[in-house]
Amino acid sequence: MKLREHRGLLTDSMETCIEIEPTRDALENAIKESLLDFFHFEKENIHVKPYGYDDRIKWDTHIVTIDGYGVYGFTDGPLNG
C-alpha cells in the first residue's frame, strides 16, 4: 500500500510517498518514523477511512487521522485487518 503525508500541495504530498505493508503495525511504524519524537500516540488512535477516488493520481484514497493530531496523510487503499 502507498502512504503519503498530508501537505498543502499534492505534488509536495506525493514527494513523501512510501510503500508499506497494508497492516496497522506497518502504518504505525511508518508514522512513528516520520513524526519521530514530535508526537506520541497509541496504535488504537490511528484511523483509516475511505475518502474517495482521486483521479489525479488514480488512488482509491483513504484518509489517515490520529486522535489529538488530526490528518496525518492518505493511503491508496484500506488496511488488511
C-alpha atoms as a PDB file:
ATOM      1  CA  MET A   1       0.000   0.000   0.000  1.00  0.00           C
ATOM      2  CA  LYS A   2       1.157   3.540  -0.678  1.00  0.00           C
ATOM      3  CA  LEU A   3       1.199   6.120   2.110  1.00  0.00           C
ATOM      4  CA  ARG A   4       1.732   9.835   1.681  1.00  0.00           C
ATOM      5  CA  GLU A   5       1.817  12.589   4.261  1.00  0.00           C
ATOM      6  CA  HIS A   6      -0.629  15.489   4.102  1.00  0.00           C
ATOM      7  CA  ARG A   7       0.817  18.634   2.550  1.00  0.00           C
ATOM      8  CA  GLY A   8      -0.664  21.833   1.126  1.00  0.00           C
ATOM      9  CA  LEU A   9       0.008  20.794  -2.459  1.00  0.00           C
ATOM     10  CA  LEU A  10      -0.498  17.353  -3.966  1.00  0.00           C
ATOM     11  CA  THR A  11       2.956  17.453  -5.548  1.00  0.00           C
ATOM     12  CA  ASP A  12       4.544  18.086  -2.141  1.00  0.00           C
ATOM     13  CA  SER A  13       2.445  15.314  -0.608  1.00  0.00           C
ATOM     14  CA  MET A  14       3.450  12.834  -3.326  1.00  0.00           C
ATOM     15  CA  GLU A  15       7.127  13.515  -2.570  1.00  0.00           C
ATOM     16  CA  THR A  16       6.567  11.869   0.834  1.00  0.00           C
ATOM     17  CA  CYS A  17       5.009   8.723  -0.684  1.00  0.00           C
ATOM     18  CA  ILE A  18       6.339   5.398   0.586  1.00  0.00           C
ATOM     19  CA  GLU A  19       5.303   1.779   0.096  1.00  0.00           C
ATOM     20  CA  ILE A  20       4.314  -0.189   3.208  1.00  0.00           C
ATOM     21  CA  GLU A  21       2.513  -3.415   4.029  1.00  0.00           C
ATOM     22  CA  PRO A  22      -1.254  -2.760   4.365  1.00  0.00           C
ATOM     23  CA  THR A  23      -1.270  -3.502   8.102  1.00  0.00           C
ATOM     24  CA  ARG A  24      -1.901  -1.385  11.168  1.00  0.00           C
ATOM     25  CA  ASP A  25       1.563  -2.276  12.532  1.00  0.00           C
ATOM     26  CA  ALA A  26       3.320  -1.145   9.334  1.00  0.00           C
ATOM     27  CA  LEU A  27       1.267   2.067   9.287  1.00  0.00           C
ATOM     28  CA  GLU A  28       2.074   2.779  12.934  1.00  0.00           C
ATOM     29  CA  ASN A  29       5.794   2.217  12.327  1.00  0.00           C
ATOM     30  CA  ALA A  30       5.840   4.478   9.255  1.00  0.00           C
ATOM     31  CA  ILE A  31       4.044   7.268  11.093  1.00  0.00           C
ATOM     32  CA  LYS A  32       6.295   6.986  14.146  1.00  0.00           C
ATOM     33  CA  GLU A  33       9.371   7.106  11.927  1.00  0.00           C
ATOM     34  CA  SER A  34       8.207  10.280  10.195  1.00  0.00           C
ATOM     35  CA  LEU A  35       6.988  12.053  13.346  1.00  0.00           C
ATOM     36  CA  LEU A  36       9.989  10.875  15.420  1.00  0.00           C
ATOM     37  CA  ASP A  37       9.577  12.361  18.904  1.00  0.00           C
ATOM     38  CA  PHE A  38       7.288  15.179  17.763  1.00  0.00           C
ATOM     39  CA  PHE A  39       4.020  13.469  18.671  1.00  0.00           C
ATOM     40  CA  HIS A  40       3.369  10.365  20.770  1.00  0.00           C
ATOM     41  CA  PHE A  41       0.312   8.211  20.109  1.00  0.00           C
ATOM     42  CA  GLU A  42      -1.011   4.700  20.525  1.00  0.00           C
ATOM     43  CA  LYS A  43      -1.871   2.373  17.639  1.00  0.00           C
ATOM     44  CA  GLU A  44      -5.570   2.487  18.529  1.00  0.00           C
ATOM     45  CA  ASN A  45      -5.528   6.270  17.959  1.00  0.00           C
ATOM     46  CA  ILE A  46      -4.872   5.799  14.222  1.00  0.00           C
ATOM     47  CA  HIS A  47      -7.944   5.759  11.969  1.00  0.00           C
ATOM     48  CA  VAL A  48      -8.110   4.935   8.262  1.00  0.00           C
ATOM     49  CA  LYS A  49     -11.372   5.745   6.486  1.00  0.00           C
ATOM     50  CA  PRO A  50     -12.489   5.881   2.840  1.00  0.00           C
ATOM     51  CA  TYR A  51     -12.037   9.370   1.397  1.00  0.00           C
ATOM     52  CA  GLY A  52     -12.893   8.967  -2.301  1.00  0.00           C
ATOM     53  CA  TYR A  53     -11.299   8.254  -5.634  1.00  0.00           C
ATOM     54  CA  ASP A  54      -8.594  10.709  -6.691  1.00  0.00           C
ATOM     55  CA  ASP A  55      -8.494  10.704 -10.478  1.00  0.00           C
ATOM     56  CA  ARG A  56      -5.339  12.850 -10.491  1.00  0.00           C
ATOM     57  CA  ILE A  57      -3.256  10.011  -9.050  1.00  0.00           C
ATOM     58  CA  LYS A  58      -5.634   7.079  -9.632  1.00  0.00           C
ATOM     59  CA  TRP A  59      -5.930   6.241  -5.928  1.00  0.00           C
ATOM     60  CA  ASP A  60      -8.862   4.767  -4.008  1.00  0.00           C
ATOM     61  CA  THR A  61      -7.898   7.277  -1.334  1.00  0.00           C
ATOM     62  CA  HIS A  62      -8.293   6.627   2.379  1.00  0.00           C
ATOM     63  CA  ILE A  63      -7.628   9.362   4.935  1.00  0.00           C
ATOM     64  CA  VAL A  64      -5.339   8.643   7.883  1.00  0.00           C
ATOM     65  CA  THR A  65      -6.088  10.566  11.068  1.00  0.00           C
ATOM     66  CA  ILE A  66      -4.622  10.394  14.556  1.00  0.00           C
ATOM     67  CA  ASP A  67      -6.584  11.369  17.656  1.00  0.00           C
ATOM     68  CA  GLY A  68      -5.143  14.589  19.078  1.00  0.00           C
ATOM     69  CA  TYR A  69      -3.122  15.256  15.908  1.00  0.00           C
ATOM     70  CA  GLY A  70      -5.582  15.448  13.018  1.00  0.00           C
ATOM     71  CA  VAL A  71      -4.924  14.444   9.416  1.00  0.00           C
ATOM     72  CA  TYR A  72      -1.621  12.642   9.022  1.00  0.00           C
ATOM     73  CA  GLY A  73      -1.989  11.670   5.384  1.00  0.00           C
ATOM     74  CA  PHE A  74      -3.553   9.331   2.870  1.00  0.00           C
ATOM     75  CA  THR A  75      -3.250   5.765   1.594  1.00  0.00           C
ATOM     76  CA  ASP A  76      -4.150   4.261  -1.758  1.00  0.00           C
ATOM     77  CA  GLY A  77      -6.401   1.666  -0.155  1.00  0.00           C
ATOM     78  CA  PRO A  78      -7.699   0.176   3.096  1.00  0.00           C
ATOM     79  CA  LEU A  79      -5.760  -1.716   5.733  1.00  0.00           C
ATOM     80  CA  ASN A  80      -5.932  -5.508   5.737  1.00  0.00           C
ATOM     81  CA  GLY A  81      -7.336  -6.175   9.168  1.00  0.00           C
END
